[in-house]
């Protein structure tokens, strides 16, 4: 599965012109759906992350009462665009990691509920986005998600490990984070990594239904309780972010990490030839 993900990222890295909108917006009454739209696998770049962050921050300001984050059929997000990232210099890589952290913080601190409608594969960065949402519904089928950063030579960043631990508990977080295993939707449901698994055509409708239940509650009571309940998630971003990001970015450039990533990319190039 790891090889399939990297192969998909390889194909995704060819489309670098960004001649299309990378984030589509659909209005469902008081709920706004933000759909990742960087075919074929919604691999994450600085540009896409920046666009997503701004859209999440603007939603509540524009009177939206809940947000759904969705993806393409069969592909929620393949995570960071590794082949493209390996071509970046240090300032560009620093920008990307900072944009990623900014998106996670925007989701964590959103004044309105954010639901992940996981429409397919969601390894690495795809799972990371979902960790910080209020609710996660995923499509049934032969799809995988999980935090496979360790398998590709990247130490799991503390903020991401903190989000994982909050969601699934310390013991399961240790196993999922250290092993880097990718798991099925049903396994993810059993381990608490997602909250619901449904047929593909029901993923967004189920996300909308969940939002509807939240919005039917007394607004002030729900919002205040939600804010208090998510305080520990907010606190992950309250101190030491500059130091953490410096370490995370430095880890990317270690010879061992670079060798592992380049080896995987070259292997996939040869297989795809």
C-alpha atoms as a PDB file:
ATOM      1  CA  UNK A   1       0.000   0.000   0.000  1.00  0.00           C
ATOM      2  CA  UNK A   2       2.846   2.390   0.810  1.00  0.00           C
ATOM      3  CA  UNK A   3       4.232   1.886  -2.679  1.00  0.00           C
ATOM      4  CA  UNK A   4       0.841   2.525  -4.248  1.00  0.00           C
ATOM      5  CA  UNK A   5       0.573   5.808  -2.375  1.00  0.00           C
ATOM      6  CA  UNK A   6       3.990   6.975  -3.532  1.00  0.00           C
ATOM      7  CA  UNK A   7       3.189   5.917  -7.086  1.00  0.00           C
ATOM      8  CA  UNK A   8       0.012   7.965  -6.976  1.00  0.00           C
ATOM      9  CA  UNK A   9       1.963  10.947  -5.702  1.00  0.00           C
ATOM     10  CA  UNK A  10       4.361  10.568  -8.580  1.00  0.00           C
ATOM     11  CA  UNK A  11       1.529  10.872 -11.052  1.00  0.00           C
ATOM     12  CA  UNK A  12       0.080  13.781  -9.102  1.00  0.00           C
ATOM     13  CA  UNK A  13       3.331  15.727  -9.204  1.00  0.00           C
ATOM     14  CA  UNK A  14       3.213  16.054 -12.978  1.00  0.00           C
ATOM     15  CA  UNK A  15       0.384  18.572 -12.895  1.00  0.00           C
ATOM     16  CA  UNK A  16       2.237  21.627 -11.637  1.00  0.00           C
ATOM     17  CA  UNK A  17       0.503  24.345 -13.620  1.00  0.00           C
ATOM     18  CA  UNK A  18      -2.449  24.816 -11.248  1.00  0.00           C
ATOM     19  CA  UNK A  19      -4.662  25.904 -14.144  1.00  0.00           C
ATOM     20  CA  UNK A  20      -7.716  24.732 -12.197  1.00  0.00           C
ATOM     21  CA  UNK A  21      -9.237  25.625  -8.844  1.00  0.00           C
ATOM     22  CA  UNK A  22      -7.658  23.444  -6.185  1.00  0.00           C
ATOM     23  CA  UNK A  23     -10.521  23.955  -3.748  1.00  0.00           C
ATOM     24  CA  UNK A  24     -14.167  23.763  -4.807  1.00  0.00           C
ATOM     25  CA  UNK A  25     -16.931  25.275  -2.692  1.00  0.00           C
ATOM     26  CA  UNK A  26     -20.481  23.957  -2.425  1.00  0.00           C
ATOM     27  CA  UNK A  27     -23.180  25.576  -0.310  1.00  0.00           C
ATOM     28  CA  UNK A  28     -25.672  23.368   1.533  1.00  0.00           C
ATOM     29  CA  UNK A  29     -27.770  25.938   3.336  1.00  0.00           C
ATOM     30  CA  UNK A  30     -25.887  26.844   6.532  1.00  0.00           C
ATOM     31  CA  UNK A  31     -23.198  24.253   5.743  1.00  0.00           C
ATOM     32  CA  UNK A  32     -20.307  24.873   3.359  1.00  0.00           C
ATOM     33  CA  UNK A  33     -18.485  21.984   1.686  1.00  0.00           C
ATOM     34  CA  UNK A  34     -14.824  22.557   0.804  1.00  0.00           C
ATOM     35  CA  UNK A  35     -13.725  19.913  -1.703  1.00  0.00           C
ATOM     36  CA  UNK A  36     -10.040  19.301  -2.343  1.00  0.00           C
ATOM     37  CA  UNK A  37      -9.544  19.355  -6.097  1.00  0.00           C
ATOM     38  CA  UNK A  38      -5.972  18.607  -7.117  1.00  0.00           C
ATOM     39  CA  UNK A  39      -6.267  15.472  -9.281  1.00  0.00           C
ATOM     40  CA  UNK A  40      -5.440  12.704  -9.287  1.00  0.00           C
ATOM     41  CA  UNK A  41      -4.864  12.233  -5.530  1.00  0.00           C
ATOM     42  CA  UNK A  42      -5.252  15.675  -3.925  1.00  0.00           C
ATOM     43  CA  UNK A  43      -1.587  15.755  -2.919  1.00  0.00           C
ATOM     44  CA  UNK A  44      -0.941  18.697  -0.605  1.00  0.00           C
ATOM     45  CA  UNK A  45       1.159  21.698  -1.628  1.00  0.00           C
ATOM     46  CA  UNK A  46       1.774  25.094  -0.033  1.00  0.00           C
ATOM     47  CA  UNK A  47      -0.725  26.662  -2.421  1.00  0.00           C
ATOM     48  CA  UNK A  48      -3.495  24.192  -1.650  1.00  0.00           C
ATOM     49  CA  UNK A  49      -2.880  24.374   2.100  1.00  0.00           C
ATOM     50  CA  UNK A  50      -2.934  28.175   2.045  1.00  0.00           C
ATOM     51  CA  UNK A  51      -6.187  28.202   0.084  1.00  0.00           C
ATOM     52  CA  UNK A  52      -7.754  25.701   2.486  1.00  0.00           C
ATOM     53  CA  UNK A  53      -6.680  27.659   5.568  1.00  0.00           C
ATOM     54  CA  UNK A  54      -8.178  30.871   4.244  1.00  0.00           C
ATOM     55  CA  UNK A  55     -11.432  29.125   3.320  1.00  0.00           C
ATOM     56  CA  UNK A  56     -11.808  27.603   6.795  1.00  0.00           C
ATOM     57  CA  UNK A  57     -11.078  30.911   8.522  1.00  0.00           C
ATOM     58  CA  UNK A  58     -13.502  32.822   6.291  1.00  0.00           C
ATOM     59  CA  UNK A  59     -16.385  30.380   6.681  1.00  0.00           C
ATOM     60  CA  UNK A  60     -17.501  31.467  10.149  1.00  0.00           C
ATOM     61  CA  UNK A  61     -16.875  35.137   9.292  1.00  0.00           C
ATOM     62  CA  UNK A  62     -19.329  34.781   6.395  1.00  0.00           C
ATOM     63  CA  UNK A  63     -22.090  33.285   8.546  1.00  0.00           C
ATOM     64  CA  UNK A  64     -21.490  29.622   7.683  1.00  0.00           C
ATOM     65  CA  UNK A  65     -22.480  27.438  10.647  1.00  0.00           C
ATOM     66  CA  UNK A  66     -20.560  24.252   9.788  1.00  0.00           C
ATOM     67  CA  UNK A  67     -17.902  23.129   7.301  1.00  0.00           C
ATOM     68  CA  UNK A  68     -17.400  19.828   5.509  1.00  0.00           C
ATOM     69  CA  UNK A  69     -13.970  18.969   4.162  1.00  0.00           C
ATOM     70  CA  UNK A  70     -14.253  16.442   1.318  1.00  0.00           C
ATOM     71  CA  UNK A  71     -12.182  15.069  -1.563  1.00  0.00           C
ATOM     72  CA  UNK A  72     -12.402  13.406  -4.944  1.00  0.00           C
ATOM     73  CA  UNK A  73     -14.182  10.059  -5.370  1.00  0.00           C
ATOM     74  CA  UNK A  74     -11.790   7.411  -4.091  1.00  0.00           C
ATOM     75  CA  UNK A  75      -9.187   9.987  -3.049  1.00  0.00           C
ATOM     76  CA  UNK A  76      -9.590  12.224  -0.032  1.00  0.00           C
ATOM     77  CA  UNK A  77      -5.913  13.220  -0.036  1.00  0.00           C
ATOM     78  CA  UNK A  78      -2.677  11.365  -0.731  1.00  0.00           C
ATOM     79  CA  UNK A  79      -0.833  13.569   1.759  1.00  0.00           C
ATOM     80  CA  UNK A  80       2.157  15.767   0.998  1.00  0.00           C
ATOM     81  CA  UNK A  81       3.304  15.740  -2.626  1.00  0.00           C
ATOM     82  CA  UNK A  82       6.637  14.061  -1.891  1.00  0.00           C
ATOM     83  CA  UNK A  83       8.115  14.050  -5.433  1.00  0.00           C
ATOM     84  CA  UNK A  84       7.390  17.767  -5.765  1.00  0.00           C
ATOM     85  CA  UNK A  85       8.659  18.503  -2.264  1.00  0.00           C
ATOM     86  CA  UNK A  86      11.990  16.867  -3.014  1.00  0.00           C
ATOM     87  CA  UNK A  87      12.581  19.586  -5.608  1.00  0.00           C
ATOM     88  CA  UNK A  88      12.057  22.439  -3.131  1.00  0.00           C
ATOM     89  CA  UNK A  89      14.740  24.461  -1.400  1.00  0.00           C
ATOM     90  CA  UNK A  90      14.810  25.065   2.357  1.00  0.00           C
ATOM     91  CA  UNK A  91      12.733  28.304   2.378  1.00  0.00           C
ATOM     92  CA  UNK A  92      10.019  26.668   0.271  1.00  0.00           C
ATOM     93  CA  UNK A  93       9.967  23.587   2.511  1.00  0.00           C
ATOM     94  CA  UNK A  94       9.745  25.778   5.592  1.00  0.00           C
ATOM     95  CA  UNK A  95       6.772  27.579   4.054  1.00  0.00           C
ATOM     96  CA  UNK A  96       4.993  24.294   3.331  1.00  0.00           C
ATOM     97  CA  UNK A  97       5.363  22.922   6.872  1.00  0.00           C
ATOM     98  CA  UNK A  98       4.210  26.234   8.329  1.00  0.00           C
ATOM     99  CA  UNK A  99       1.194  26.245   6.026  1.00  0.00           C
ATOM    100  CA  UNK A 100       0.356  22.699   7.120  1.00  0.00           C
ATOM    101  CA  UNK A 101       0.493  23.643  10.799  1.00  0.00           C
ATOM    102  CA  UNK A 102      -1.602  26.750  10.073  1.00  0.00           C
ATOM    103  CA  UNK A 103      -4.323  24.622   8.434  1.00  0.00           C
ATOM    104  CA  UNK A 104      -4.378  22.217  11.376  1.00  0.00           C
ATOM    105  CA  UNK A 105      -4.685  25.112  13.789  1.00  0.00           C
ATOM    106  CA  UNK A 106      -7.454  26.674  11.707  1.00  0.00           C
ATOM    107  CA  UNK A 107      -9.411  23.408  11.854  1.00  0.00           C
ATOM    108  CA  UNK A 108      -8.743  22.946  15.570  1.00  0.00           C
ATOM    109  CA  UNK A 109      -9.760  26.517  16.433  1.00  0.00           C
ATOM    110  CA  UNK A 110     -12.659  26.848  13.989  1.00  0.00           C
ATOM    111  CA  UNK A 111     -15.591  28.652  15.582  1.00  0.00           C
ATOM    112  CA  UNK A 112     -17.927  26.257  13.769  1.00  0.00           C
ATOM    113  CA  UNK A 113     -17.851  22.446  13.515  1.00  0.00           C
ATOM    114  CA  UNK A 114     -15.661  20.940  10.803  1.00  0.00           C
ATOM    115  CA  UNK A 115     -16.460  17.451   9.495  1.00  0.00           C
ATOM    116  CA  UNK A 116     -14.109  15.305   7.417  1.00  0.00           C
ATOM    117  CA  UNK A 117     -15.989  13.494   4.645  1.00  0.00           C
ATOM    118  CA  UNK A 118     -13.240  11.011   3.761  1.00  0.00           C
ATOM    119  CA  UNK A 119     -14.096  10.020   0.214  1.00  0.00           C
ATOM    120  CA  UNK A 120     -11.305   7.467  -0.301  1.00  0.00           C
ATOM    121  CA  UNK A 121      -7.606   6.950   0.373  1.00  0.00           C
ATOM    122  CA  UNK A 122      -6.275   9.274   3.079  1.00  0.00           C
ATOM    123  CA  UNK A 123      -2.715   8.286   4.038  1.00  0.00           C
ATOM    124  CA  UNK A 124      -0.351  10.566   5.956  1.00  0.00           C
ATOM    125  CA  UNK A 125      -1.473  14.184   5.421  1.00  0.00           C
ATOM    126  CA  UNK A 126      -4.969  13.033   4.495  1.00  0.00           C
ATOM    127  CA  UNK A 127      -5.367  11.435   7.905  1.00  0.00           C
ATOM    128  CA  UNK A 128      -3.684  14.415   9.577  1.00  0.00           C
ATOM    129  CA  UNK A 129      -6.336  16.814   8.257  1.00  0.00           C
ATOM    130  CA  UNK A 130      -9.090  14.560   9.560  1.00  0.00           C
ATOM    131  CA  UNK A 131      -7.535  14.237  13.042  1.00  0.00           C
ATOM    132  CA  UNK A 132      -8.346  17.830  13.949  1.00  0.00           C
ATOM    133  CA  UNK A 133     -11.944  17.837  12.687  1.00  0.00           C
ATOM    134  CA  UNK A 134     -14.998  17.434  14.928  1.00  0.00           C
ATOM    135  CA  UNK A 135     -16.235  14.295  13.178  1.00  0.00           C
ATOM    136  CA  UNK A 136     -14.991  11.863  10.537  1.00  0.00           C
ATOM    137  CA  UNK A 137     -17.107   9.774   8.174  1.00  0.00           C
ATOM    138  CA  UNK A 138     -15.351   7.545   5.623  1.00  0.00           C
ATOM    139  CA  UNK A 139     -16.389   5.591   2.574  1.00  0.00           C
ATOM    140  CA  UNK A 140     -16.471   1.792   2.595  1.00  0.00           C
ATOM    141  CA  UNK A 141     -14.198  -0.104   0.250  1.00  0.00           C
ATOM    142  CA  UNK A 142     -10.598  -1.023  -0.432  1.00  0.00           C
ATOM    143  CA  UNK A 143      -9.173   2.230   0.902  1.00  0.00           C
ATOM    144  CA  UNK A 144      -6.442   3.014   3.398  1.00  0.00           C
ATOM    145  CA  UNK A 145      -5.670   5.702   5.914  1.00  0.00           C
ATOM    146  CA  UNK A 146      -3.145   6.144   8.678  1.00  0.00           C
ATOM    147  CA  UNK A 147       0.009   8.013   9.603  1.00  0.00           C
ATOM    148  CA  UNK A 148       2.763   6.318   7.598  1.00  0.00           C
ATOM    149  CA  UNK A 149       5.304   9.086   8.101  1.00  0.00           C
ATOM    150  CA  UNK A 150       7.724   6.808   9.978  1.00  0.00           C
ATOM    151  CA  UNK A 151       7.653   4.306   7.111  1.00  0.00           C
ATOM    152  CA  UNK A 152       8.850   6.986   4.693  1.00  0.00           C
ATOM    153  CA  UNK A 153      11.550   8.261   7.043  1.00  0.00           C
ATOM    154  CA  UNK A 154       9.770  11.233   8.653  1.00  0.00           C
ATOM    155  CA  UNK A 155       9.501  11.357  12.475  1.00  0.00           C
ATOM    156  CA  UNK A 156       5.869  12.005  13.415  1.00  0.00           C
ATOM    157  CA  UNK A 157       5.642  15.675  14.504  1.00  0.00           C
ATOM    158  CA  UNK A 158       4.542  16.271  18.125  1.00  0.00           C
ATOM    159  CA  UNK A 159       1.407  18.262  17.262  1.00  0.00           C
ATOM    160  CA  UNK A 160       0.207  15.473  14.970  1.00  0.00           C
ATOM    161  CA  UNK A 161       1.005  12.824  17.574  1.00  0.00           C
ATOM    162  CA  UNK A 162      -0.914  14.925  20.102  1.00  0.00           C
ATOM    163  CA  UNK A 163      -3.951  15.073  17.838  1.00  0.00           C
ATOM    164  CA  UNK A 164      -3.772  11.319  17.287  1.00  0.00           C
ATOM    165  CA  UNK A 165      -3.429  10.611  21.019  1.00  0.00           C
ATOM    166  CA  UNK A 166      -6.436  12.803  21.785  1.00  0.00           C
ATOM    167  CA  UNK A 167      -8.548  10.924  19.261  1.00  0.00           C
ATOM    168  CA  UNK A 168      -7.650   7.270  19.867  1.00  0.00           C
ATOM    169  CA  UNK A 169      -5.924   7.249  23.270  1.00  0.00           C
ATOM    170  CA  UNK A 170      -2.238   6.889  24.171  1.00  0.00           C
ATOM    171  CA  UNK A 171      -1.760   3.154  23.565  1.00  0.00           C
ATOM    172  CA  UNK A 172      -3.366   3.066  20.139  1.00  0.00           C
ATOM    173  CA  UNK A 173      -1.643   6.315  19.223  1.00  0.00           C
ATOM    174  CA  UNK A 174       1.694   4.743  20.081  1.00  0.00           C
ATOM    175  CA  UNK A 175       1.002   1.743  17.846  1.00  0.00           C
ATOM    176  CA  UNK A 176      -0.404   3.709  14.912  1.00  0.00           C
ATOM    177  CA  UNK A 177       2.237   6.424  15.086  1.00  0.00           C
ATOM    178  CA  UNK A 178       5.334   4.296  15.636  1.00  0.00           C
ATOM    179  CA  UNK A 179       4.426   1.517  13.201  1.00  0.00           C
ATOM    180  CA  UNK A 180       3.149   3.857  10.498  1.00  0.00           C
ATOM    181  CA  UNK A 181       0.652   1.170   9.498  1.00  0.00           C
ATOM    182  CA  UNK A 182      -2.058   1.976   6.963  1.00  0.00           C
ATOM    183  CA  UNK A 183      -5.436   0.455   7.829  1.00  0.00           C
ATOM    184  CA  UNK A 184      -8.858  -0.123   6.270  1.00  0.00           C
ATOM    185  CA  UNK A 185     -11.942   1.992   7.003  1.00  0.00           C
ATOM    186  CA  UNK A 186     -13.367  -0.788   9.176  1.00  0.00           C
ATOM    187  CA  UNK A 187     -10.136  -1.074  11.161  1.00  0.00           C
ATOM    188  CA  UNK A 188     -10.046   2.698  11.540  1.00  0.00           C
ATOM    189  CA  UNK A 189     -13.605   2.643  12.878  1.00  0.00           C
ATOM    190  CA  UNK A 190     -12.726  -0.061  15.408  1.00  0.00           C
ATOM    191  CA  UNK A 191      -9.716   1.932  16.619  1.00  0.00           C
ATOM    192  CA  UNK A 192     -11.549   5.249  16.822  1.00  0.00           C
ATOM    193  CA  UNK A 193      -9.656   6.886  13.972  1.00  0.00           C
ATOM    194  CA  UNK A 194     -12.957   7.517  12.162  1.00  0.00           C
ATOM    195  CA  UNK A 195     -16.466   7.796  13.595  1.00  0.00           C
ATOM    196  CA  UNK A 196     -18.560   6.226  10.860  1.00  0.00           C
ATOM    197  CA  UNK A 197     -18.120   4.140   7.691  1.00  0.00           C
ATOM    198  CA  UNK A 198     -20.766   4.291   4.945  1.00  0.00           C
ATOM    199  CA  UNK A 199     -21.143   3.558   1.205  1.00  0.00           C
ATOM    200  CA  UNK A 200     -19.397   6.030  -1.085  1.00  0.00           C
ATOM    201  CA  UNK A 201     -22.542   7.847  -2.163  1.00  0.00           C
ATOM    202  CA  UNK A 202     -23.528   8.447   1.462  1.00  0.00           C
ATOM    203  CA  UNK A 203     -20.312  10.046   2.736  1.00  0.00           C
ATOM    204  CA  UNK A 204     -21.204  13.696   2.140  1.00  0.00           C
ATOM    205  CA  UNK A 205     -24.915  13.182   2.981  1.00  0.00           C
ATOM    206  CA  UNK A 206     -23.921  11.596   6.308  1.00  0.00           C
ATOM    207  CA  UNK A 207     -21.572  14.508   6.998  1.00  0.00           C
ATOM    208  CA  UNK A 208     -24.454  16.879   6.264  1.00  0.00           C
ATOM    209  CA  UNK A 209     -26.751  14.890   8.547  1.00  0.00           C
ATOM    210  CA  UNK A 210     -24.241  15.112  11.400  1.00  0.00           C
ATOM    211  CA  UNK A 211     -23.934  18.857  10.882  1.00  0.00           C
ATOM    212  CA  UNK A 212     -27.716  19.117  10.896  1.00  0.00           C
ATOM    213  CA  UNK A 213     -27.887  17.444  14.302  1.00  0.00           C
ATOM    214  CA  UNK A 214     -25.333  19.854  15.740  1.00  0.00           C
ATOM    215  CA  UNK A 215     -27.031  22.905  14.262  1.00  0.00           C
ATOM    216  CA  UNK A 216     -30.420  21.815  15.625  1.00  0.00           C
ATOM    217  CA  UNK A 217     -29.061  22.175  19.169  1.00  0.00           C
ATOM    218  CA  UNK A 218     -29.373  25.476  21.073  1.00  0.00           C
ATOM    219  CA  UNK A 219     -26.653  27.536  19.405  1.00  0.00           C
ATOM    220  CA  UNK A 220     -24.977  29.194  22.377  1.00  0.00           C
ATOM    221  CA  UNK A 221     -25.028  26.086  24.553  1.00  0.00           C
ATOM    222  CA  UNK A 222     -23.572  23.930  21.789  1.00  0.00           C
ATOM    223  CA  UNK A 223     -20.895  26.441  20.827  1.00  0.00           C
ATOM    224  CA  UNK A 224     -19.739  27.082  24.382  1.00  0.00           C
ATOM    225  CA  UNK A 225     -19.619  23.395  25.283  1.00  0.00           C
ATOM    226  CA  UNK A 226     -17.816  22.565  22.044  1.00  0.00           C
ATOM    227  CA  UNK A 227     -15.221  25.250  22.715  1.00  0.00           C
ATOM    228  CA  UNK A 228     -14.560  23.921  26.212  1.00  0.00           C
ATOM    229  CA  UNK A 229     -14.452  20.318  25.028  1.00  0.00           C
ATOM    230  CA  UNK A 230     -11.843  21.184  22.364  1.00  0.00           C
ATOM    231  CA  UNK A 231      -9.670  23.285  24.679  1.00  0.00           C
ATOM    232  CA  UNK A 232      -7.026  20.559  24.920  1.00  0.00           C
ATOM    233  CA  UNK A 233      -6.826  20.512  21.120  1.00  0.00           C
ATOM    234  CA  UNK A 234      -6.353  24.297  21.051  1.00  0.00           C
ATOM    235  CA  UNK A 235      -3.589  24.005  23.624  1.00  0.00           C
ATOM    236  CA  UNK A 236      -1.495  21.879  21.282  1.00  0.00           C
ATOM    237  CA  UNK A 237      -0.870  25.081  19.317  1.00  0.00           C
ATOM    238  CA  UNK A 238      -0.423  27.534  22.179  1.00  0.00           C
ATOM    239  CA  UNK A 239       3.286  27.310  22.917  1.00  0.00           C
ATOM    240  CA  UNK A 240       6.550  26.246  21.382  1.00  0.00           C
ATOM    241  CA  UNK A 241       5.315  26.129  17.795  1.00  0.00           C
ATOM    242  CA  UNK A 242       8.338  27.926  16.385  1.00  0.00           C
ATOM    243  CA  UNK A 243      10.714  25.549  18.139  1.00  0.00           C
ATOM    244  CA  UNK A 244       8.682  22.519  17.077  1.00  0.00           C
ATOM    245  CA  UNK A 245       8.521  23.638  13.466  1.00  0.00           C
ATOM    246  CA  UNK A 246      12.262  24.277  13.441  1.00  0.00           C
ATOM    247  CA  UNK A 247      12.829  20.695  14.580  1.00  0.00           C
ATOM    248  CA  UNK A 248      10.276  19.241  12.146  1.00  0.00           C
ATOM    249  CA  UNK A 249      11.800  21.104   9.213  1.00  0.00           C
ATOM    250  CA  UNK A 250      15.306  20.083  10.267  1.00  0.00           C
ATOM    251  CA  UNK A 251      14.202  16.437  10.417  1.00  0.00           C
ATOM    252  CA  UNK A 252      13.065  16.667   6.783  1.00  0.00           C
ATOM    253  CA  UNK A 253      16.589  17.571   5.707  1.00  0.00           C
ATOM    254  CA  UNK A 254      18.449  14.833   7.587  1.00  0.00           C
ATOM    255  CA  UNK A 255      20.446  12.554   5.267  1.00  0.00           C
ATOM    256  CA  UNK A 256      18.539   9.464   6.441  1.00  0.00           C
ATOM    257  CA  UNK A 257      15.122  11.001   5.694  1.00  0.00           C
ATOM    258  CA  UNK A 258      16.207  12.357   2.316  1.00  0.00           C
ATOM    259  CA  UNK A 259      17.741   9.022   1.339  1.00  0.00           C
ATOM    260  CA  UNK A 260      14.578   7.109   2.264  1.00  0.00           C
ATOM    261  CA  UNK A 261      12.285   9.494   0.405  1.00  0.00           C
ATOM    262  CA  UNK A 262      14.438   9.618  -2.726  1.00  0.00           C
ATOM    263  CA  UNK A 263      14.823   5.854  -2.715  1.00  0.00           C
ATOM    264  CA  UNK A 264      11.050   5.385  -2.652  1.00  0.00           C
ATOM    265  CA  UNK A 265      10.505   7.878  -5.448  1.00  0.00           C
ATOM    266  CA  UNK A 266      13.193   6.309  -7.640  1.00  0.00           C
ATOM    267  CA  UNK A 267      11.777   2.841  -7.022  1.00  0.00           C
ATOM    268  CA  UNK A 268       8.349   3.950  -8.135  1.00  0.00           C
ATOM    269  CA  UNK A 269       9.755   5.666 -11.211  1.00  0.00           C
ATOM    270  CA  UNK A 270      11.394   2.420 -12.282  1.00  0.00           C
ATOM    271  CA  UNK A 271       8.227   0.413 -11.679  1.00  0.00           C
ATOM    272  CA  UNK A 272       6.194   2.928 -13.632  1.00  0.00           C
ATOM    273  CA  UNK A 273       8.578   2.875 -16.600  1.00  0.00           C
END
